[in-house]
Amino acid sequence: MIAGQREFFRFIAGRLLVGTVITLAAVVAVLYADLGGVATLMRASPDGWLYLILMTGGFWVTIGGITLAIGIMGLGEWNDPPGD
């Protein structure tokens, strides 16, 4: 890969890593605070692990997308090249 491609994938991976850390913190906070009784329902269900995976995946897609969008919007401006 050329240097530009490596930099691009490093940027994407870094933003997704940040999104993953924030997601894990958010899921732990929701379960710890038992918001909406989610943790209670998960513990009472025999398929609680499946609901945990689905909830975490939904949070990860949402928060990962938000962190990517914020990162891309913060890259700077693109300017037209000067005219001839």
PDB file of N, CA and C in Angstrom:
ATOM      1  N   MET A   1       0.835  -1.189   0.000  1.00  0.00           N
ATOM      2  CA  MET A   1       0.000   0.000   0.000  1.00  0.00           C
ATOM      3  C   MET A   1       0.874   1.245   0.000  1.00  0.00           C
ATOM      4  N   ILE A   2       0.342   2.249  -0.611  1.00  0.00           N
ATOM      5  CA  ILE A   2       1.074   3.508  -0.611  1.00  0.00           C
ATOM      6  C   ILE A   2       0.831   4.243   0.708  1.00  0.00           C
ATOM      7  N   ALA A   3       1.639   5.246   0.936  1.00  0.00           N
ATOM      8  CA  ALA A   3       1.601   5.949   2.224  1.00  0.00           C
ATOM      9  C   ALA A   3       0.236   6.571   2.495  1.00  0.00           C
ATOM     10  N   GLY A   4      -0.419   7.113   1.465  1.00  0.00           N
ATOM     11  CA  GLY A   4      -1.729   7.737   1.657  1.00  0.00           C
ATOM     12  C   GLY A   4      -2.783   6.732   2.106  1.00  0.00           C
ATOM     13  N   GLN A   5      -2.711   5.528   1.542  1.00  0.00           N
ATOM     14  CA  GLN A   5      -3.666   4.489   1.936  1.00  0.00           C
ATOM     15  C   GLN A   5      -3.419   4.033   3.368  1.00  0.00           C
ATOM     16  N   ARG A   6      -2.152   3.879   3.729  1.00  0.00           N
ATOM     17  CA  ARG A   6      -1.838   3.484   5.106  1.00  0.00           C
ATOM     18  C   ARG A   6      -2.338   4.528   6.094  1.00  0.00           C
ATOM     19  N   GLU A   7      -2.138   5.785   5.764  1.00  0.00           N
ATOM     20  CA  GLU A   7      -2.592   6.867   6.642  1.00  0.00           C
ATOM     21  C   GLU A   7      -4.111   6.866   6.760  1.00  0.00           C
ATOM     22  N   PHE A   8      -4.801   6.616   5.649  1.00  0.00           N
ATOM     23  CA  PHE A   8      -6.261   6.575   5.660  1.00  0.00           C
ATOM     24  C   PHE A   8      -6.761   5.456   6.567  1.00  0.00           C
ATOM     25  N   PHE A   9      -6.219   4.248   6.413  1.00  0.00           N
ATOM     26  CA  PHE A   9      -6.675   3.124   7.227  1.00  0.00           C
ATOM     27  C   PHE A   9      -6.274   3.286   8.690  1.00  0.00           C
ATOM     28  N   ARG A  10      -5.151   3.918   8.950  1.00  0.00           N
ATOM     29  CA  ARG A  10      -4.753   4.204  10.328  1.00  0.00           C
ATOM     30  C   ARG A  10      -5.737   5.187  10.969  1.00  0.00           C
ATOM     31  N   PHE A  11      -6.164   6.182  10.201  1.00  0.00           N
ATOM     32  CA  PHE A  11      -7.140   7.157  10.680  1.00  0.00           C
ATOM     33  C   PHE A  11      -8.465   6.469  11.004  1.00  0.00           C
ATOM     34  N   ILE A  12      -8.965   5.631  10.086  1.00  0.00           N
ATOM     35  CA  ILE A  12     -10.241   4.938  10.281  1.00  0.00           C
ATOM     36  C   ILE A  12     -10.149   4.000  11.493  1.00  0.00           C
ATOM     37  N   ALA A  13      -9.066   3.238  11.583  1.00  0.00           N
ATOM     38  CA  ALA A  13      -8.904   2.297  12.692  1.00  0.00           C
ATOM     39  C   ALA A  13      -8.821   3.043  14.030  1.00  0.00           C
ATOM     40  N   GLY A  14      -8.146   4.161  14.051  1.00  0.00           N
ATOM     41  CA  GLY A  14      -8.041   4.951  15.280  1.00  0.00           C
ATOM     42  C   GLY A  14      -9.386   5.495  15.733  1.00  0.00           C
ATOM     43  N   ARG A  15     -10.170   5.994  14.771  1.00  0.00           N
ATOM     44  CA  ARG A  15     -11.488   6.515  15.121  1.00  0.00           C
ATOM     45  C   ARG A  15     -12.411   5.395  15.600  1.00  0.00           C
ATOM     46  N   LEU A  16     -12.347   4.228  14.960  1.00  0.00           N
ATOM     47  CA  LEU A  16     -13.184   3.111  15.385  1.00  0.00           C
ATOM     48  C   LEU A  16     -12.750   2.581  16.750  1.00  0.00           C
ATOM     49  N   LEU A  17     -11.461   2.665  17.049  1.00  0.00           N
ATOM     50  CA  LEU A  17     -10.998   2.270  18.370  1.00  0.00           C
ATOM     51  C   LEU A  17     -11.560   3.204  19.439  1.00  0.00           C
ATOM     52  N   VAL A  18     -11.548   4.490  19.152  1.00  0.00           N
ATOM     53  CA  VAL A  18     -12.142   5.458  20.076  1.00  0.00           C
ATOM     54  C   VAL A  18     -13.633   5.173  20.243  1.00  0.00           C
ATOM     55  N   GLY A  19     -14.321   4.877  19.134  1.00  0.00           N
ATOM     56  CA  GLY A  19     -15.735   4.548  19.190  1.00  0.00           C
ATOM     57  C   GLY A  19     -16.004   3.296  20.005  1.00  0.00           C
ATOM     58  N   THR A  20     -15.111   2.304  19.904  1.00  0.00           N
ATOM     59  CA  THR A  20     -15.261   1.065  20.658  1.00  0.00           C
ATOM     60  C   THR A  20     -15.118   1.311  22.149  1.00  0.00           C
ATOM     61  N   VAL A  21     -14.152   2.115  22.531  1.00  0.00           N
ATOM     62  CA  VAL A  21     -13.943   2.422  23.952  1.00  0.00           C
ATOM     63  C   VAL A  21     -15.151   3.182  24.517  1.00  0.00           C
ATOM     64  N   ILE A  22     -15.651   4.154  23.762  1.00  0.00           N
ATOM     65  CA  ILE A  22     -16.813   4.913  24.213  1.00  0.00           C
ATOM     66  C   ILE A  22     -18.038   3.999  24.297  1.00  0.00           C
ATOM     67  N   THR A  23     -18.176   3.093  23.321  1.00  0.00           N
ATOM     68  CA  THR A  23     -19.299   2.153  23.327  1.00  0.00           C
ATOM     69  C   THR A  23     -19.273   1.275  24.561  1.00  0.00           C
ATOM     70  N   LEU A  24     -18.122   0.718  24.872  1.00  0.00           N
ATOM     71  CA  LEU A  24     -18.021  -0.144  26.046  1.00  0.00           C
ATOM     72  C   LEU A  24     -18.366   0.625  27.318  1.00  0.00           C
ATOM     73  N   ALA A  25     -17.901   1.860  27.405  1.00  0.00           N
ATOM     74  CA  ALA A  25     -18.224   2.685  28.578  1.00  0.00           C
ATOM     75  C   ALA A  25     -19.726   2.969  28.641  1.00  0.00           C
ATOM     76  N   ALA A  26     -20.354   3.249  27.506  1.00  0.00           N
ATOM     77  CA  ALA A  26     -21.786   3.546  27.487  1.00  0.00           C
ATOM     78  C   ALA A  26     -22.618   2.320  27.859  1.00  0.00           C
ATOM     79  N   VAL A  27     -22.238   1.149  27.332  1.00  0.00           N
ATOM     80  CA  VAL A  27     -22.979  -0.076  27.653  1.00  0.00           C
ATOM     81  C   VAL A  27     -22.852  -0.408  29.134  1.00  0.00           C
ATOM     82  N   VAL A  28     -21.650  -0.281  29.666  1.00  0.00           N
ATOM     83  CA  VAL A  28     -21.459  -0.539  31.098  1.00  0.00           C
ATOM     84  C   VAL A  28     -22.273   0.443  31.924  1.00  0.00           C
ATOM     85  N   ALA A  29     -22.300   1.709  31.526  1.00  0.00           N
ATOM     86  CA  ALA A  29     -23.071   2.711  32.274  1.00  0.00           C
ATOM     87  C   ALA A  29     -24.563   2.403  32.227  1.00  0.00           C
ATOM     88  N   VAL A  30     -25.073   2.007  31.061  1.00  0.00           N
ATOM     89  CA  VAL A  30     -26.502   1.688  30.944  1.00  0.00           C
ATOM     90  C   VAL A  30     -26.849   0.473  31.799  1.00  0.00           C
ATOM     91  N   LEU A  31     -26.000  -0.548  31.751  1.00  0.00           N
ATOM     92  CA  LEU A  31     -26.282  -1.747  32.530  1.00  0.00           C
ATOM     93  C   LEU A  31     -26.109  -1.501  34.021  1.00  0.00           C
ATOM     94  N   TYR A  32     -25.113  -0.728  34.407  1.00  0.00           N
ATOM     95  CA  TYR A  32     -24.881  -0.451  35.818  1.00  0.00           C
ATOM     96  C   TYR A  32     -26.032   0.364  36.411  1.00  0.00           C
ATOM     97  N   ALA A  33     -26.488   1.372  35.652  1.00  0.00           N
ATOM     98  CA  ALA A  33     -27.580   2.221  36.132  1.00  0.00           C
ATOM     99  C   ALA A  33     -28.934   1.537  35.949  1.00  0.00           C
ATOM    100  N   ASP A  34     -28.959   0.441  35.215  1.00  0.00           N
ATOM    101  CA  ASP A  34     -30.183  -0.316  34.944  1.00  0.00           C
ATOM    102  C   ASP A  34     -31.260   0.595  34.357  1.00  0.00           C
ATOM    103  N   LEU A  35     -30.852   1.390  33.366  1.00  0.00           N
ATOM    104  CA  LEU A  35     -31.782   2.314  32.719  1.00  0.00           C
ATOM    105  C   LEU A  35     -32.878   1.528  32.015  1.00  0.00           C
ATOM    106  N   GLY A  36     -34.097   1.851  32.301  1.00  0.00           N
ATOM    107  CA  GLY A  36     -35.234   1.189  31.693  1.00  0.00           C
ATOM    108  C   GLY A  36     -35.385  -0.262  32.098  1.00  0.00           C
ATOM    109  N   GLY A  37     -34.672  -0.693  33.100  1.00  0.00           N
ATOM    110  CA  GLY A  37     -34.758  -2.075  33.541  1.00  0.00           C
ATOM    111  C   GLY A  37     -34.102  -3.060  32.585  1.00  0.00           C
ATOM    112  N   VAL A  38     -33.215  -2.575  31.730  1.00  0.00           N
ATOM    113  CA  VAL A  38     -32.582  -3.428  30.719  1.00  0.00           C
ATOM    114  C   VAL A  38     -31.747  -4.525  31.369  1.00  0.00           C
ATOM    115  N   ALA A  39     -30.942  -4.173  32.338  1.00  0.00           N
ATOM    116  CA  ALA A  39     -30.083  -5.178  32.981  1.00  0.00           C
ATOM    117  C   ALA A  39     -30.920  -6.216  33.709  1.00  0.00           C
ATOM    118  N   THR A  40     -31.994  -5.790  34.340  1.00  0.00           N
ATOM    119  CA  THR A  40     -32.873  -6.723  35.039  1.00  0.00           C
ATOM    120  C   THR A  40     -33.506  -7.702  34.058  1.00  0.00           C
ATOM    121  N   LEU A  41     -33.958  -7.201  32.926  1.00  0.00           N
ATOM    122  CA  LEU A  41     -34.552  -8.076  31.908  1.00  0.00           C
ATOM    123  C   LEU A  41     -33.523  -9.049  31.332  1.00  0.00           C
ATOM    124  N   MET A  42     -32.303  -8.572  31.120  1.00  0.00           N
ATOM    125  CA  MET A  42     -31.264  -9.443  30.575  1.00  0.00           C
ATOM    126  C   MET A  42     -30.912 -10.565  31.550  1.00  0.00           C
ATOM    127  N   ARG A  43     -30.830 -10.218  32.827  1.00  0.00           N
ATOM    128  CA  ARG A  43     -30.507 -11.249  33.816  1.00  0.00           C
ATOM    129  C   ARG A  43     -31.634 -12.271  33.959  1.00  0.00           C
ATOM    130  N   ALA A  44     -32.871 -11.853  33.761  1.00  0.00           N
ATOM    131  CA  ALA A  44     -34.010 -12.759  33.907  1.00  0.00           C
ATOM    132  C   ALA A  44     -34.211 -13.655  32.689  1.00  0.00           C
ATOM    133  N   SER A  45     -33.643 -13.259  31.558  1.00  0.00           N
ATOM    134  CA  SER A  45     -33.856 -14.011  30.323  1.00  0.00           C
ATOM    135  C   SER A  45     -32.778 -15.077  30.143  1.00  0.00           C
ATOM    136  N   PRO A  46     -33.150 -16.257  29.628  1.00  0.00           N
ATOM    137  CA  PRO A  46     -32.133 -17.263  29.324  1.00  0.00           C
ATOM    138  C   PRO A  46     -31.262 -16.861  28.132  1.00  0.00           C
ATOM    139  N   ASP A  47     -31.757 -15.934  27.312  1.00  0.00           N
ATOM    140  CA  ASP A  47     -30.985 -15.449  26.161  1.00  0.00           C
ATOM    141  C   ASP A  47     -30.421 -14.060  26.414  1.00  0.00           C
ATOM    142  N   GLY A  48     -30.120 -13.739  27.643  1.00  0.00           N
ATOM    143  CA  GLY A  48     -29.604 -12.420  27.984  1.00  0.00           C
ATOM    144  C   GLY A  48     -28.306 -12.087  27.273  1.00  0.00           C
ATOM    145  N   TRP A  49     -27.466 -13.082  27.047  1.00  0.00           N
ATOM    146  CA  TRP A  49     -26.191 -12.854  26.346  1.00  0.00           C
ATOM    147  C   TRP A  49     -26.442 -12.365  24.923  1.00  0.00           C
ATOM    148  N   LEU A  50     -27.497 -12.887  24.279  1.00  0.00           N
ATOM    149  CA  LEU A  50     -27.815 -12.469  22.916  1.00  0.00           C
ATOM    150  C   LEU A  50     -28.265 -11.011  22.901  1.00  0.00           C
ATOM    151  N   TYR A  51     -29.086 -10.635  23.852  1.00  0.00           N
ATOM    152  CA  TYR A  51     -29.556  -9.250  23.934  1.00  0.00           C
ATOM    153  C   TYR A  51     -28.398  -8.302  24.247  1.00  0.00           C
ATOM    154  N   LEU A  52     -27.463  -8.762  25.048  1.00  0.00           N
ATOM    155  CA  LEU A  52     -26.273  -7.951  25.340  1.00  0.00           C
ATOM    156  C   LEU A  52     -25.455  -7.722  24.072  1.00  0.00           C
ATOM    157  N   ILE A  53     -25.274  -8.760  23.276  1.00  0.00           N
ATOM    158  CA  ILE A  53     -24.527  -8.630  22.020  1.00  0.00           C
ATOM    159  C   ILE A  53     -25.247  -7.689  21.065  1.00  0.00           C
ATOM    160  N   LEU A  54     -26.563  -7.831  20.953  1.00  0.00           N
ATOM    161  CA  LEU A  54     -27.331  -6.966  20.058  1.00  0.00           C
ATOM    162  C   LEU A  54     -27.295  -5.505  20.520  1.00  0.00           C
ATOM    163  N   MET A  55     -27.420  -5.279  21.816  1.00  0.00           N
ATOM    164  CA  MET A  55     -27.373  -3.917  22.335  1.00  0.00           C
ATOM    165  C   MET A  55     -25.990  -3.307  22.105  1.00  0.00           C
ATOM    166  N   THR A  56     -24.946  -4.077  22.407  1.00  0.00           N
ATOM    167  CA  THR A  56     -23.586  -3.578  22.221  1.00  0.00           C
ATOM    168  C   THR A  56     -23.303  -3.299  20.750  1.00  0.00           C
ATOM    169  N   GLY A  57     -23.756  -4.190  19.878  1.00  0.00           N
ATOM    170  CA  GLY A  57     -23.555  -3.979  18.444  1.00  0.00           C
ATOM    171  C   GLY A  57     -24.263  -2.738  17.942  1.00  0.00           C
ATOM    172  N   GLY A  58     -25.484  -2.516  18.401  1.00  0.00           N
ATOM    173  CA  GLY A  58     -26.208  -1.315  18.003  1.00  0.00           C
ATOM    174  C   GLY A  58     -25.532  -0.045  18.489  1.00  0.00           C
ATOM    175  N   PHE A  59     -25.072  -0.073  19.725  1.00  0.00           N
ATOM    176  CA  PHE A  59     -24.336   1.080  20.262  1.00  0.00           C
ATOM    177  C   PHE A  59     -23.057   1.307  19.464  1.00  0.00           C
ATOM    178  N   TRP A  60     -22.351   0.212  19.120  1.00  0.00           N
ATOM    179  CA  TRP A  60     -21.061   0.334  18.434  1.00  0.00           C
ATOM    180  C   TRP A  60     -21.243   0.937  17.044  1.00  0.00           C
ATOM    181  N   VAL A  61     -22.255   0.485  16.321  1.00  0.00           N
ATOM    182  CA  VAL A  61     -22.503   1.033  14.983  1.00  0.00           C
ATOM    183  C   VAL A  61     -22.834   2.522  15.079  1.00  0.00           C
ATOM    184  N   THR A  62     -23.674   2.876  16.033  1.00  0.00           N
ATOM    185  CA  THR A  62     -24.073   4.278  16.179  1.00  0.00           C
ATOM    186  C   THR A  62     -22.909   5.152  16.625  1.00  0.00           C
ATOM    187  N   ILE A  63     -22.252   4.763  17.704  1.00  0.00           N
ATOM    188  CA  ILE A  63     -21.168   5.594  18.242  1.00  0.00           C
ATOM    189  C   ILE A  63     -19.955   5.567  17.319  1.00  0.00           C
ATOM    190  N   GLY A  64     -19.653   4.413  16.711  1.00  0.00           N
ATOM    191  CA  GLY A  64     -18.547   4.347  15.749  1.00  0.00           C
ATOM    192  C   GLY A  64     -18.782   5.253  14.563  1.00  0.00           C
ATOM    193  N   GLY A  65     -20.015   5.277  14.057  1.00  0.00           N
ATOM    194  CA  GLY A  65     -20.342   6.168  12.940  1.00  0.00           C
ATOM    195  C   GLY A  65     -20.216   7.631  13.326  1.00  0.00           C
ATOM    196  N   ILE A  66     -20.637   7.946  14.535  1.00  0.00           N
ATOM    197  CA  ILE A  66     -20.536   9.334  14.996  1.00  0.00           C
ATOM    198  C   ILE A  66     -19.069   9.749  15.129  1.00  0.00           C
ATOM    199  N   THR A  67     -18.230   8.885  15.688  1.00  0.00           N
ATOM    200  CA  THR A  67     -16.813   9.247  15.837  1.00  0.00           C
ATOM    201  C   THR A  67     -16.131   9.368  14.483  1.00  0.00           C
ATOM    202  N   LEU A  68     -16.497   8.507  13.531  1.00  0.00           N
ATOM    203  CA  LEU A  68     -15.948   8.642  12.173  1.00  0.00           C
ATOM    204  C   LEU A  68     -16.390   9.962  11.541  1.00  0.00           C
ATOM    205  N   ALA A  69     -17.661  10.294  11.686  1.00  0.00           N
ATOM    206  CA  ALA A  69     -18.166  11.540  11.101  1.00  0.00           C
ATOM    207  C   ALA A  69     -17.482  12.760  11.710  1.00  0.00           C
ATOM    208  N   ILE A  70     -17.320  12.752  13.021  1.00  0.00           N
ATOM    209  CA  ILE A  70     -16.638  13.877  13.674  1.00  0.00           C
ATOM    210  C   ILE A  70     -15.190  13.967  13.194  1.00  0.00           C
ATOM    211  N   GLY A  71     -14.527  12.818  13.072  1.00  0.00           N
ATOM    212  CA  GLY A  71     -13.148  12.821  12.594  1.00  0.00           C
ATOM    213  C   GLY A  71     -13.020  13.328  11.171  1.00  0.00           C
ATOM    214  N   ILE A  72     -13.921  12.923  10.297  1.00  0.00           N
ATOM    215  CA  ILE A  72     -13.864  13.354   8.903  1.00  0.00           C
ATOM    216  C   ILE A  72     -14.183  14.833   8.789  1.00  0.00           C
ATOM    217  N   MET A  73     -15.168  15.302   9.560  1.00  0.00           N
ATOM    218  CA  MET A  73     -15.506  16.729   9.508  1.00  0.00           C
ATOM    219  C   MET A  73     -14.372  17.590  10.065  1.00  0.00           C
ATOM    220  N   GLY A  74     -13.561  17.023  10.930  1.00  0.00           N
ATOM    221  CA  GLY A  74     -12.465  17.793  11.515  1.00  0.00           C
ATOM    222  C   GLY A  74     -11.177  17.761  10.722  1.00  0.00           C
ATOM    223  N   LEU A  75     -11.176  17.122   9.565  1.00  0.00           N
ATOM    224  CA  LEU A  75      -9.933  17.014   8.786  1.00  0.00           C
ATOM    225  C   LEU A  75      -9.472  18.343   8.213  1.00  0.00           C
ATOM    226  N   GLY A  76     -10.365  19.214   7.939  1.00  0.00           N
ATOM    227  CA  GLY A  76      -9.977  20.493   7.370  1.00  0.00           C
ATOM    228  C   GLY A  76     -10.753  20.751   6.096  1.00  0.00           C
ATOM    229  N   GLU A  77     -10.425  21.839   5.442  1.00  0.00           N
ATOM    230  CA  GLU A  77     -11.152  22.223   4.249  1.00  0.00           C
ATOM    231  C   GLU A  77     -10.454  21.747   2.999  1.00  0.00           C
ATOM    232  N   TRP A  78     -11.265  21.521   1.991  1.00  0.00           N
ATOM    233  CA  TRP A  78     -10.734  21.231   0.675  1.00  0.00           C
ATOM    234  C   TRP A  78     -10.940  22.470  -0.160  1.00  0.00           C
ATOM    235  N   ASN A  79      -9.913  22.904  -0.819  1.00  0.00           N
ATOM    236  CA  ASN A  79      -9.997  24.124  -1.628  1.00  0.00           C
ATOM    237  C   ASN A  79      -9.791  23.777  -3.089  1.00  0.00           C
ATOM    238  N   ASP A  80     -10.490  24.497  -3.948  1.00  0.00           N
ATOM    239  CA  ASP A  80     -10.273  24.318  -5.375  1.00  0.00           C
ATOM    240  C   ASP A  80      -8.864  24.753  -5.716  1.00  0.00           C
ATOM    241  N   PRO A  81      -8.235  24.059  -6.651  1.00  0.00           N
ATOM    242  CA  PRO A  81      -6.906  24.520  -7.073  1.00  0.00           C
ATOM    243  C   PRO A  81      -7.036  25.874  -7.771  1.00  0.00           C
ATOM    244  N   PRO A  82      -6.002  26.646  -7.713  1.00  0.00           N
ATOM    245  CA  PRO A  82      -6.075  27.972  -8.359  1.00  0.00           C
ATOM    246  C   PRO A  82      -6.338  27.837  -9.856  1.00  0.00           C
ATOM    247  N   GLY A  83      -7.120  28.751 -10.375  1.00  0.00           N
ATOM    248  CA  GLY A  83      -7.453  28.716 -11.808  1.00  0.00           C
ATOM    249  C   GLY A  83      -6.236  29.019 -12.674  1.00  0.00           C
ATOM    250  N   ASP A  84      -6.378  28.684 -13.927  1.00  0.00           N
ATOM    251  CA  ASP A  84      -5.267  28.950 -14.878  1.00  0.00           C
ATOM    252  C   ASP A  84      -5.213  30.385 -15.290  1.00  0.00           C
TER     253      ASP A  84
END
